[in-house]
Amino acid sequence: MSELPPCPKCGSIYTYEDGALLICPECAHEWSTAETAEEETAKVYKDANGTILQDGDAVTVIKDLKVKGSSLVVKVGTKVKSIRLIDGDHDIDCRIDGIGPMQLKTQFVKKI
């Protein structure tokens, strides 16, 4: 049996395929498989509290972070404005006053 995704509208597991569309027999919702694949590939970035982050947000550092290759430390409470979300090991690309351009992980920041 093929694994079809549940209905995005009502959550029913009894979806079936009709040509290029997926159909829910319980709520009669129709959607394409391309929409389902697009939704699954979109990465959601969340801060330490679970709040969804977007490009341009301002965040605060919640833990002292050592800067690799120098003796500098990003202190708790440091505010970072206009972040950019990127793919990779570190999710945030930003500029911190007094330190310069950096990349941070979302698990060490919270949205202001």
PDB file of N, CA and C in Angstrom:
ATOM      1  N   MET A   1       0.837  -1.172   0.000  1.00  0.00           N
ATOM      2  CA  MET A   1       0.000   0.000   0.000  1.00  0.00           C
ATOM      3  C   MET A   1       0.888   1.244   0.000  1.00  0.00           C
ATOM      4  N   SER A   2       0.561   2.216  -0.823  1.00  0.00           N
ATOM      5  CA  SER A   2       1.370   3.430  -0.900  1.00  0.00           C
ATOM      6  C   SER A   2       1.061   4.341   0.280  1.00  0.00           C
ATOM      7  N   GLU A   3       2.058   5.097   0.697  1.00  0.00           N
ATOM      8  CA  GLU A   3       1.900   6.009   1.817  1.00  0.00           C
ATOM      9  C   GLU A   3       1.504   7.386   1.297  1.00  0.00           C
ATOM     10  N   LEU A   4       0.245   7.726   1.440  1.00  0.00           N
ATOM     11  CA  LEU A   4      -0.236   9.042   1.035  1.00  0.00           C
ATOM     12  C   LEU A   4      -0.312   9.921   2.273  1.00  0.00           C
ATOM     13  N   PRO A   5      -0.034  11.220   2.124  1.00  0.00           N
ATOM     14  CA  PRO A   5      -0.088  12.112   3.289  1.00  0.00           C
ATOM     15  C   PRO A   5      -1.518  12.314   3.758  1.00  0.00           C
ATOM     16  N   PRO A   6      -1.701  12.612   5.036  1.00  0.00           N
ATOM     17  CA  PRO A   6      -3.052  12.886   5.534  1.00  0.00           C
ATOM     18  C   PRO A   6      -3.569  14.211   4.984  1.00  0.00           C
ATOM     19  N   CYS A   7      -4.852  14.409   5.073  1.00  0.00           N
ATOM     20  CA  CYS A   7      -5.484  15.636   4.591  1.00  0.00           C
ATOM     21  C   CYS A   7      -4.977  16.828   5.394  1.00  0.00           C
ATOM     22  N   PRO A   8      -4.506  17.903   4.720  1.00  0.00           N
ATOM     23  CA  PRO A   8      -4.012  19.066   5.456  1.00  0.00           C
ATOM     24  C   PRO A   8      -5.133  19.876   6.109  1.00  0.00           C
ATOM     25  N   LYS A   9      -6.358  19.672   5.669  1.00  0.00           N
ATOM     26  CA  LYS A   9      -7.479  20.442   6.204  1.00  0.00           C
ATOM     27  C   LYS A   9      -8.069  19.791   7.462  1.00  0.00           C
ATOM     28  N   CYS A  10      -8.360  18.477   7.386  1.00  0.00           N
ATOM     29  CA  CYS A  10      -9.011  17.815   8.521  1.00  0.00           C
ATOM     30  C   CYS A  10      -8.138  16.747   9.181  1.00  0.00           C
ATOM     31  N   GLY A  11      -7.024  16.356   8.556  1.00  0.00           N
ATOM     32  CA  GLY A  11      -6.125  15.372   9.137  1.00  0.00           C
ATOM     33  C   GLY A  11      -6.519  13.932   8.881  1.00  0.00           C
ATOM     34  N   SER A  12      -7.473  13.693   8.038  1.00  0.00           N
ATOM     35  CA  SER A  12      -7.934  12.333   7.754  1.00  0.00           C
ATOM     36  C   SER A  12      -6.837  11.520   7.071  1.00  0.00           C
ATOM     37  N   ILE A  13      -6.717  10.255   7.464  1.00  0.00           N
ATOM     38  CA  ILE A  13      -5.712   9.382   6.864  1.00  0.00           C
ATOM     39  C   ILE A  13      -6.253   8.624   5.647  1.00  0.00           C
ATOM     40  N   TYR A  14      -7.516   8.820   5.317  1.00  0.00           N
ATOM     41  CA  TYR A  14      -8.149   8.070   4.235  1.00  0.00           C
ATOM     42  C   TYR A  14      -8.086   8.799   2.893  1.00  0.00           C
ATOM     43  N   THR A  15      -7.004   9.484   2.613  1.00  0.00           N
ATOM     44  CA  THR A  15      -6.865  10.197   1.337  1.00  0.00           C
ATOM     45  C   THR A  15      -6.625   9.206   0.209  1.00  0.00           C
ATOM     46  N   TYR A  16      -7.001   9.617  -0.997  1.00  0.00           N
ATOM     47  CA  TYR A  16      -6.751   8.782  -2.169  1.00  0.00           C
ATOM     48  C   TYR A  16      -6.344   9.662  -3.337  1.00  0.00           C
ATOM     49  N   GLU A  17      -5.715   9.015  -4.329  1.00  0.00           N
ATOM     50  CA  GLU A  17      -5.215   9.723  -5.499  1.00  0.00           C
ATOM     51  C   GLU A  17      -6.223   9.650  -6.624  1.00  0.00           C
ATOM     52  N   ASP A  18      -6.401  10.772  -7.312  1.00  0.00           N
ATOM     53  CA  ASP A  18      -7.245  10.820  -8.496  1.00  0.00           C
ATOM     54  C   ASP A  18      -6.488  11.634  -9.545  1.00  0.00           C
ATOM     55  N   GLY A  19      -5.717  10.946 -10.365  1.00  0.00           N
ATOM     56  CA  GLY A  19      -4.877  11.630 -11.345  1.00  0.00           C
ATOM     57  C   GLY A  19      -3.746  12.346 -10.627  1.00  0.00           C
ATOM     58  N   ALA A  20      -3.629  13.662 -10.830  1.00  0.00           N
ATOM     59  CA  ALA A  20      -2.565  14.449 -10.205  1.00  0.00           C
ATOM     60  C   ALA A  20      -2.996  15.029  -8.867  1.00  0.00           C
ATOM     61  N   LEU A  21      -4.239  14.794  -8.454  1.00  0.00           N
ATOM     62  CA  LEU A  21      -4.746  15.359  -7.216  1.00  0.00           C
ATOM     63  C   LEU A  21      -4.870  14.313  -6.118  1.00  0.00           C
ATOM     64  N   LEU A  22      -4.778  14.779  -4.881  1.00  0.00           N
ATOM     65  CA  LEU A  22      -5.096  13.962  -3.721  1.00  0.00           C
ATOM     66  C   LEU A  22      -6.433  14.459  -3.186  1.00  0.00           C
ATOM     67  N   ILE A  23      -7.293  13.536  -2.769  1.00  0.00           N
ATOM     68  CA  ILE A  23      -8.647  13.889  -2.349  1.00  0.00           C
ATOM     69  C   ILE A  23      -8.924  13.267  -0.983  1.00  0.00           C
ATOM     70  N   CYS A  24      -9.599  14.034  -0.137  1.00  0.00           N
ATOM     71  CA  CYS A  24     -10.025  13.554   1.170  1.00  0.00           C
ATOM     72  C   CYS A  24     -11.508  13.201   1.081  1.00  0.00           C
ATOM     73  N   PRO A  25     -11.895  11.961   1.358  1.00  0.00           N
ATOM     74  CA  PRO A  25     -13.300  11.582   1.271  1.00  0.00           C
ATOM     75  C   PRO A  25     -14.147  12.129   2.423  1.00  0.00           C
ATOM     76  N   GLU A  26     -13.524  12.547   3.503  1.00  0.00           N
ATOM     77  CA  GLU A  26     -14.285  13.023   4.655  1.00  0.00           C
ATOM     78  C   GLU A  26     -14.692  14.489   4.543  1.00  0.00           C
ATOM     79  N   CYS A  27     -13.779  15.346   4.036  1.00  0.00           N
ATOM     80  CA  CYS A  27     -14.122  16.772   3.948  1.00  0.00           C
ATOM     81  C   CYS A  27     -14.144  17.277   2.505  1.00  0.00           C
ATOM     82  N   ALA A  28     -13.860  16.404   1.541  1.00  0.00           N
ATOM     83  CA  ALA A  28     -13.885  16.709   0.110  1.00  0.00           C
ATOM     84  C   ALA A  28     -12.828  17.735  -0.297  1.00  0.00           C
ATOM     85  N   HIS A  29     -11.760  17.866   0.490  1.00  0.00           N
ATOM     86  CA  HIS A  29     -10.664  18.790   0.149  1.00  0.00           C
ATOM     87  C   HIS A  29      -9.792  18.150  -0.929  1.00  0.00           C
ATOM     88  N   GLU A  30      -9.411  18.942  -1.945  1.00  0.00           N
ATOM     89  CA  GLU A  30      -8.541  18.467  -3.019  1.00  0.00           C
ATOM     90  C   GLU A  30      -7.275  19.305  -3.039  1.00  0.00           C
ATOM     91  N   TRP A  31      -6.106  18.651  -3.209  1.00  0.00           N
ATOM     92  CA  TRP A  31      -4.838  19.351  -3.317  1.00  0.00           C
ATOM     93  C   TRP A  31      -3.889  18.534  -4.184  1.00  0.00           C
ATOM     94  N   SER A  32      -2.857  19.209  -4.697  1.00  0.00           N
ATOM     95  CA  SER A  32      -1.923  18.522  -5.592  1.00  0.00           C
ATOM     96  C   SER A  32      -0.753  17.958  -4.796  1.00  0.00           C
ATOM     97  N   THR A  33      -0.112  16.956  -5.362  1.00  0.00           N
ATOM     98  CA  THR A  33       1.052  16.360  -4.700  1.00  0.00           C
ATOM     99  C   THR A  33       2.212  17.341  -4.670  1.00  0.00           C
ATOM    100  N   ALA A  34       2.286  18.271  -5.625  1.00  0.00           N
ATOM    101  CA  ALA A  34       3.353  19.275  -5.641  1.00  0.00           C
ATOM    102  C   ALA A  34       3.232  20.194  -4.425  1.00  0.00           C
ATOM    103  N   GLU A  35       2.009  20.541  -4.024  1.00  0.00           N
ATOM    104  CA  GLU A  35       1.806  21.376  -2.843  1.00  0.00           C
ATOM    105  C   GLU A  35       2.296  20.661  -1.599  1.00  0.00           C
ATOM    106  N   THR A  36       2.043  19.372  -1.505  1.00  0.00           N
ATOM    107  CA  THR A  36       2.462  18.585  -0.353  1.00  0.00           C
ATOM    108  C   THR A  36       3.976  18.529  -0.275  1.00  0.00           C
ATOM    109  N   ALA A  37       4.640  18.292  -1.401  1.00  0.00           N
ATOM    110  CA  ALA A  37       6.093  18.217  -1.417  1.00  0.00           C
ATOM    111  C   ALA A  37       6.714  19.566  -1.072  1.00  0.00           C
ATOM    112  N   GLU A  38       6.116  20.645  -1.530  1.00  0.00           N
ATOM    113  CA  GLU A  38       6.628  21.992  -1.250  1.00  0.00           C
ATOM    114  C   GLU A  38       6.524  22.317   0.232  1.00  0.00           C
ATOM    115  N   GLU A  39       5.435  21.924   0.867  1.00  0.00           N
ATOM    116  CA  GLU A  39       5.247  22.183   2.286  1.00  0.00           C
ATOM    117  C   GLU A  39       6.239  21.388   3.125  1.00  0.00           C
ATOM    118  N   GLU A  40       6.567  20.176   2.710  1.00  0.00           N
ATOM    119  CA  GLU A  40       7.480  19.335   3.464  1.00  0.00           C
ATOM    120  C   GLU A  40       8.909  19.841   3.378  1.00  0.00           C
ATOM    121  N   THR A  41       9.307  20.449   2.251  1.00  0.00           N
ATOM    122  CA  THR A  41      10.677  20.893   2.081  1.00  0.00           C
ATOM    123  C   THR A  41      10.948  22.251   2.702  1.00  0.00           C
ATOM    124  N   ALA A  42       9.929  23.032   3.013  1.00  0.00           N
ATOM    125  CA  ALA A  42      10.129  24.347   3.610  1.00  0.00           C
ATOM    126  C   ALA A  42      10.594  24.175   5.055  1.00  0.00           C
ATOM    127  N   LYS A  43      11.797  24.671   5.368  1.00  0.00           N
ATOM    128  CA  LYS A  43      12.350  24.527   6.710  1.00  0.00           C
ATOM    129  C   LYS A  43      11.829  25.645   7.602  1.00  0.00           C
ATOM    130  N   VAL A  44      11.467  25.280   8.799  1.00  0.00           N
ATOM    131  CA  VAL A  44      10.962  26.239   9.770  1.00  0.00           C
ATOM    132  C   VAL A  44      12.065  26.460  10.799  1.00  0.00           C
ATOM    133  N   TYR A  45      12.416  27.722  11.015  1.00  0.00           N
ATOM    134  CA  TYR A  45      13.450  28.079  11.977  1.00  0.00           C
ATOM    135  C   TYR A  45      12.784  28.550  13.264  1.00  0.00           C
ATOM    136  N   LYS A  46      13.154  27.922  14.400  1.00  0.00           N
ATOM    137  CA  LYS A  46      12.566  28.277  15.688  1.00  0.00           C
ATOM    138  C   LYS A  46      13.670  28.626  16.676  1.00  0.00           C
ATOM    139  N   ASP A  47      13.380  29.599  17.539  1.00  0.00           N
ATOM    140  CA  ASP A  47      14.354  29.991  18.555  1.00  0.00           C
ATOM    141  C   ASP A  47      14.308  29.015  19.727  1.00  0.00           C
ATOM    142  N   ALA A  48      15.020  29.327  20.799  1.00  0.00           N
ATOM    143  CA  ALA A  48      15.096  28.440  21.964  1.00  0.00           C
ATOM    144  C   ALA A  48      13.742  28.235  22.636  1.00  0.00           C
ATOM    145  N   ASN A  49      12.825  29.190  22.494  1.00  0.00           N
ATOM    146  CA  ASN A  49      11.497  29.076  23.095  1.00  0.00           C
ATOM    147  C   ASN A  49      10.465  28.468  22.154  1.00  0.00           C
ATOM    148  N   GLY A  50      10.846  28.171  20.918  1.00  0.00           N
ATOM    149  CA  GLY A  50       9.919  27.595  19.959  1.00  0.00           C
ATOM    150  C   GLY A  50       9.201  28.617  19.098  1.00  0.00           C
ATOM    151  N   THR A  51       9.561  29.887  19.202  1.00  0.00           N
ATOM    152  CA  THR A  51       8.961  30.940  18.386  1.00  0.00           C
ATOM    153  C   THR A  51       9.573  30.894  16.981  1.00  0.00           C
ATOM    154  N   ILE A  52       8.747  31.012  15.972  1.00  0.00           N
ATOM    155  CA  ILE A  52       9.218  30.947  14.592  1.00  0.00           C
ATOM    156  C   ILE A  52       9.964  32.233  14.241  1.00  0.00           C
ATOM    157  N   LEU A  53      11.152  32.073  13.655  1.00  0.00           N
ATOM    158  CA  LEU A  53      11.984  33.202  13.249  1.00  0.00           C
ATOM    159  C   LEU A  53      11.844  33.455  11.763  1.00  0.00           C
ATOM    160  N   GLN A  54      11.985  34.726  11.360  1.00  0.00           N
ATOM    161  CA  GLN A  54      11.949  35.126   9.955  1.00  0.00           C
ATOM    162  C   GLN A  54      13.102  36.075   9.691  1.00  0.00           C
ATOM    163  N   ASP A  55      13.438  36.258   8.405  1.00  0.00           N
ATOM    164  CA  ASP A  55      14.467  37.220   8.030  1.00  0.00           C
ATOM    165  C   ASP A  55      14.084  38.601   8.531  1.00  0.00           C
ATOM    166  N   GLY A  56      15.060  39.333   9.071  1.00  0.00           N
ATOM    167  CA  GLY A  56      14.823  40.684   9.536  1.00  0.00           C
ATOM    168  C   GLY A  56      14.418  40.789  10.995  1.00  0.00           C
ATOM    169  N   ASP A  57      14.192  39.672  11.669  1.00  0.00           N
ATOM    170  CA  ASP A  57      13.824  39.704  13.085  1.00  0.00           C
ATOM    171  C   ASP A  57      14.999  40.169  13.933  1.00  0.00           C
ATOM    172  N   ALA A  58      14.705  40.602  15.136  1.00  0.00           N
ATOM    173  CA  ALA A  58      15.720  40.939  16.129  1.00  0.00           C
ATOM    174  C   ALA A  58      15.691  39.860  17.198  1.00  0.00           C
ATOM    175  N   VAL A  59      16.876  39.417  17.631  1.00  0.00           N
ATOM    176  CA  VAL A  59      16.971  38.347  18.615  1.00  0.00           C
ATOM    177  C   VAL A  59      17.945  38.754  19.719  1.00  0.00           C
ATOM    178  N   THR A  60      17.876  38.029  20.828  1.00  0.00           N
ATOM    179  CA  THR A  60      18.780  38.218  21.959  1.00  0.00           C
ATOM    180  C   THR A  60      19.494  36.901  22.221  1.00  0.00           C
ATOM    181  N   VAL A  61      20.790  36.972  22.496  1.00  0.00           N
ATOM    182  CA  VAL A  61      21.589  35.780  22.810  1.00  0.00           C
ATOM    183  C   VAL A  61      21.262  35.357  24.240  1.00  0.00           C
ATOM    184  N   ILE A  62      21.045  34.043  24.455  1.00  0.00           N
ATOM    185  CA  ILE A  62      20.639  33.549  25.778  1.00  0.00           C
ATOM    186  C   ILE A  62      21.759  32.819  26.516  1.00  0.00           C
ATOM    187  N   LYS A  63      22.959  32.751  25.917  1.00  0.00           N
ATOM    188  CA  LYS A  63      24.070  32.033  26.530  1.00  0.00           C
ATOM    189  C   LYS A  63      25.361  32.699  26.090  1.00  0.00           C
ATOM    190  N   ASP A  64      26.361  32.758  26.978  1.00  0.00           N
ATOM    191  CA  ASP A  64      27.670  33.266  26.571  1.00  0.00           C
ATOM    192  C   ASP A  64      28.233  32.368  25.484  1.00  0.00           C
ATOM    193  N   LEU A  65      28.645  32.966  24.367  1.00  0.00           N
ATOM    194  CA  LEU A  65      29.162  32.200  23.234  1.00  0.00           C
ATOM    195  C   LEU A  65      30.594  32.638  22.934  1.00  0.00           C
ATOM    196  N   LYS A  66      31.523  31.691  22.952  1.00  0.00           N
ATOM    197  CA  LYS A  66      32.907  31.993  22.614  1.00  0.00           C
ATOM    198  C   LYS A  66      33.022  32.108  21.100  1.00  0.00           C
ATOM    199  N   VAL A  67      33.775  33.102  20.638  1.00  0.00           N
ATOM    200  CA  VAL A  67      34.010  33.288  19.214  1.00  0.00           C
ATOM    201  C   VAL A  67      35.239  32.473  18.850  1.00  0.00           C
ATOM    202  N   LYS A  68      35.054  31.532  17.941  1.00  0.00           N
ATOM    203  CA  LYS A  68      36.132  30.636  17.557  1.00  0.00           C
ATOM    204  C   LYS A  68      37.278  31.419  16.924  1.00  0.00           C
ATOM    205  N   GLY A  69      38.499  31.133  17.327  1.00  0.00           N
ATOM    206  CA  GLY A  69      39.662  31.764  16.730  1.00  0.00           C
ATOM    207  C   GLY A  69      40.031  33.102  17.336  1.00  0.00           C
ATOM    208  N   SER A  70      39.329  33.513  18.398  1.00  0.00           N
ATOM    209  CA  SER A  70      39.683  34.761  19.073  1.00  0.00           C
ATOM    210  C   SER A  70      39.318  34.644  20.543  1.00  0.00           C
ATOM    211  N   SER A  71      39.669  35.676  21.308  1.00  0.00           N
ATOM    212  CA  SER A  71      39.370  35.656  22.732  1.00  0.00           C
ATOM    213  C   SER A  71      38.069  36.382  23.051  1.00  0.00           C
ATOM    214  N   LEU A  72      37.322  36.771  22.023  1.00  0.00           N
ATOM    215  CA  LEU A  72      36.069  37.491  22.218  1.00  0.00           C
ATOM    216  C   LEU A  72      34.963  36.552  22.676  1.00  0.00           C
ATOM    217  N   VAL A  73      33.995  37.117  23.397  1.00  0.00           N
ATOM    218  CA  VAL A  73      32.832  36.365  23.867  1.00  0.00           C
ATOM    219  C   VAL A  73      31.588  37.194  23.587  1.00  0.00           C
ATOM    220  N   VAL A  74      30.561  36.549  23.022  1.00  0.00           N
ATOM    221  CA  VAL A  74      29.257  37.189  22.846  1.00  0.00           C
ATOM    222  C   VAL A  74      28.499  36.938  24.144  1.00  0.00           C
ATOM    223  N   LYS A  75      28.219  38.001  24.894  1.00  0.00           N
ATOM    224  CA  LYS A  75      27.631  37.889  26.223  1.00  0.00           C
ATOM    225  C   LYS A  75      26.119  37.642  26.159  1.00  0.00           C
ATOM    226  N   VAL A  76      25.588  37.089  27.234  1.00  0.00           N
ATOM    227  CA  VAL A  76      24.150  36.896  27.392  1.00  0.00           C
ATOM    228  C   VAL A  76      23.469  38.256  27.309  1.00  0.00           C
ATOM    229  N   GLY A  77      22.366  38.328  26.593  1.00  0.00           N
ATOM    230  CA  GLY A  77      21.612  39.569  26.483  1.00  0.00           C
ATOM    231  C   GLY A  77      22.022  40.444  25.313  1.00  0.00           C
ATOM    232  N   THR A  78      23.024  40.023  24.544  1.00  0.00           N
ATOM    233  CA  THR A  78      23.435  40.802  23.372  1.00  0.00           C
ATOM    234  C   THR A  78      22.309  40.798  22.359  1.00  0.00           C
ATOM    235  N   LYS A  79      21.913  41.995  21.906  1.00  0.00           N
ATOM    236  CA  LYS A  79      20.834  42.116  20.928  1.00  0.00           C
ATOM    237  C   LYS A  79      21.415  42.097  19.525  1.00  0.00           C
ATOM    238  N   VAL A  80      20.785  41.320  18.662  1.00  0.00           N
ATOM    239  CA  VAL A  80      21.202  41.212  17.269  1.00  0.00           C
ATOM    240  C   VAL A  80      20.017  41.622  16.411  1.00  0.00           C
ATOM    241  N   LYS A  81      20.216  42.647  15.571  1.00  0.00           N
ATOM    242  CA  LYS A  81      19.132  43.163  14.734  1.00  0.00           C
ATOM    243  C   LYS A  81      19.240  42.613  13.318  1.00  0.00           C
ATOM    244  N   SER A  82      18.141  42.570  12.641  1.00  0.00           N
ATOM    245  CA  SER A  82      17.999  42.178  11.226  1.00  0.00           C
ATOM    246  C   SER A  82      18.820  40.938  10.860  1.00  0.00           C
ATOM    247  N   ILE A  83      18.386  39.807  11.385  1.00  0.00           N
ATOM    248  CA  ILE A  83      19.055  38.537  11.090  1.00  0.00           C
ATOM    249  C   ILE A  83      18.663  38.035   9.704  1.00  0.00           C
ATOM    250  N   ARG A  84      19.508  37.173   9.142  1.00  0.00           N
ATOM    251  CA  ARG A  84      19.217  36.490   7.881  1.00  0.00           C
ATOM    252  C   ARG A  84      19.288  34.994   8.149  1.00  0.00           C
ATOM    253  N   LEU A  85      18.261  34.264   7.744  1.00  0.00           N
ATOM    254  CA  LEU A  85      18.218  32.820   7.963  1.00  0.00           C
ATOM    255  C   LEU A  85      18.859  32.116   6.783  1.00  0.00           C
ATOM    256  N   ILE A  86      19.742  31.156   7.070  1.00  0.00           N
ATOM    257  CA  ILE A  86      20.483  30.438   6.039  1.00  0.00           C
ATOM    258  C   ILE A  86      20.426  28.941   6.327  1.00  0.00           C
ATOM    259  N   ASP A  87      20.728  28.145   5.321  1.00  0.00           N
ATOM    260  CA  ASP A  87      20.843  26.700   5.508  1.00  0.00           C
ATOM    261  C   ASP A  87      22.272  26.383   5.909  1.00  0.00           C
ATOM    262  N   GLY A  88      22.426  25.371   6.706  1.00  0.00           N
ATOM    263  CA  GLY A  88      23.758  24.962   7.124  1.00  0.00           C
ATOM    264  C   GLY A  88      23.776  24.610   8.595  1.00  0.00           C
ATOM    265  N   ASP A  89      24.994  24.423   9.121  1.00  0.00           N
ATOM    266  CA  ASP A  89      25.165  24.066  10.524  1.00  0.00           C
ATOM    267  C   ASP A  89      24.690  25.193  11.427  1.00  0.00           C
ATOM    268  N   HIS A  90      25.036  26.434  11.086  1.00  0.00           N
ATOM    269  CA  HIS A  90      24.576  27.614  11.809  1.00  0.00           C
ATOM    270  C   HIS A  90      23.457  28.238  10.988  1.00  0.00           C
ATOM    271  N   ASP A  91      22.321  28.517  11.627  1.00  0.00           N
ATOM    272  CA  ASP A  91      21.116  28.929  10.909  1.00  0.00           C
ATOM    273  C   ASP A  91      20.979  30.436  10.705  1.00  0.00           C
ATOM    274  N   ILE A  92      21.691  31.237  11.483  1.00  0.00           N
ATOM    275  CA  ILE A  92      21.520  32.689  11.447  1.00  0.00           C
ATOM    276  C   ILE A  92      22.813  33.357  10.990  1.00  0.00           C
ATOM    277  N   ASP A  93      22.699  34.242  10.012  1.00  0.00           N
ATOM    278  CA  ASP A  93      23.812  35.067   9.567  1.00  0.00           C
ATOM    279  C   ASP A  93      23.502  36.482  10.028  1.00  0.00           C
ATOM    280  N   CYS A  94      24.426  37.116  10.744  1.00  0.00           N
ATOM    281  CA  CYS A  94      24.138  38.427  11.326  1.00  0.00           C
ATOM    282  C   CYS A  94      25.418  39.229  11.503  1.00  0.00           C
ATOM    283  N   ARG A  95      25.251  40.441  11.991  1.00  0.00           N
ATOM    284  CA  ARG A  95      26.370  41.306  12.340  1.00  0.00           C
ATOM    285  C   ARG A  95      26.152  41.760  13.776  1.00  0.00           C
ATOM    286  N   ILE A  96      27.176  41.544  14.616  1.00  0.00           N
ATOM    287  CA  ILE A  96      27.098  41.917  16.019  1.00  0.00           C
ATOM    288  C   ILE A  96      28.021  43.108  16.250  1.00  0.00           C
ATOM    289  N   ASP A  97      27.473  44.157  16.869  1.00  0.00           N
ATOM    290  CA  ASP A  97      28.265  45.353  17.158  1.00  0.00           C
ATOM    291  C   ASP A  97      29.455  45.003  18.040  1.00  0.00           C
ATOM    292  N   GLY A  98      30.641  45.483  17.656  1.00  0.00           N
ATOM    293  CA  GLY A  98      31.856  45.238  18.415  1.00  0.00           C
ATOM    294  C   GLY A  98      32.567  43.956  18.049  1.00  0.00           C
ATOM    295  N   ILE A  99      31.897  43.070  17.307  1.00  0.00           N
ATOM    296  CA  ILE A  99      32.510  41.796  16.921  1.00  0.00           C
ATOM    297  C   ILE A  99      32.585  41.669  15.402  1.00  0.00           C
ATOM    298  N   GLY A 100      31.474  41.979  14.720  1.00  0.00           N
ATOM    299  CA  GLY A 100      31.446  41.902  13.260  1.00  0.00           C
ATOM    300  C   GLY A 100      30.511  40.824  12.772  1.00  0.00           C
ATOM    301  N   PRO A 101      30.700  40.407  11.504  1.00  0.00           N
ATOM    302  CA  PRO A 101      29.809  39.384  10.944  1.00  0.00           C
ATOM    303  C   PRO A 101      30.016  38.034  11.629  1.00  0.00           C
ATOM    304  N   MET A 102      28.897  37.354  11.903  1.00  0.00           N
ATOM    305  CA  MET A 102      28.923  36.057  12.581  1.00  0.00           C
ATOM    306  C   MET A 102      27.788  35.183  12.099  1.00  0.00           C
ATOM    307  N   GLN A 103      27.884  33.926  12.438  1.00  0.00           N
ATOM    308  CA  GLN A 103      26.790  32.985  12.242  1.00  0.00           C
ATOM    309  C   GLN A 103      26.468  32.382  13.598  1.00  0.00           C
ATOM    310  N   LEU A 104      25.171  32.280  13.891  1.00  0.00           N
ATOM    311  CA  LEU A 104      24.707  31.743  15.167  1.00  0.00           C
ATOM    312  C   LEU A 104      23.764  30.574  14.931  1.00  0.00           C
ATOM    313  N   LYS A 105      23.589  29.773  15.952  1.00  0.00           N
ATOM    314  CA  LYS A 105      22.598  28.702  15.913  1.00  0.00           C
ATOM    315  C   LYS A 105      21.318  29.209  16.562  1.00  0.00           C
ATOM    316  N   THR A 106      20.185  28.770  16.028  1.00  0.00           N
ATOM    317  CA  THR A 106      18.894  29.233  16.544  1.00  0.00           C
ATOM    318  C   THR A 106      18.645  28.781  17.976  1.00  0.00           C
ATOM    319  N   GLN A 107      19.276  27.730  18.416  1.00  0.00           N
ATOM    320  CA  GLN A 107      19.046  27.229  19.775  1.00  0.00           C
ATOM    321  C   GLN A 107      19.629  28.134  20.857  1.00  0.00           C
ATOM    322  N   PHE A 108      20.490  29.097  20.480  1.00  0.00           N
ATOM    323  CA  PHE A 108      21.105  29.990  21.455  1.00  0.00           C
ATOM    324  C   PHE A 108      20.543  31.411  21.413  1.00  0.00           C
ATOM    325  N   VAL A 109      19.410  31.620  20.744  1.00  0.00           N
ATOM    326  CA  VAL A 109      18.812  32.942  20.682  1.00  0.00           C
ATOM    327  C   VAL A 109      17.323  32.870  21.002  1.00  0.00           C
ATOM    328  N   LYS A 110      16.762  34.025  21.370  1.00  0.00           N
ATOM    329  CA  LYS A 110      15.308  34.127  21.515  1.00  0.00           C
ATOM    330  C   LYS A 110      14.864  35.406  20.842  1.00  0.00           C
ATOM    331  N   LYS A 111      13.679  35.370  20.262  1.00  0.00           N
ATOM    332  CA  LYS A 111      13.131  36.510  19.535  1.00  0.00           C
ATOM    333  C   LYS A 111      12.710  37.596  20.514  1.00  0.00           C
ATOM    334  N   ILE A 112      12.985  38.844  20.120  1.00  0.00           N
ATOM    335  CA  ILE A 112      12.610  39.990  20.964  1.00  0.00           C
ATOM    336  C   ILE A 112      11.163  40.343  20.704  1.00  0.00           C
TER     337      ILE A 112
END
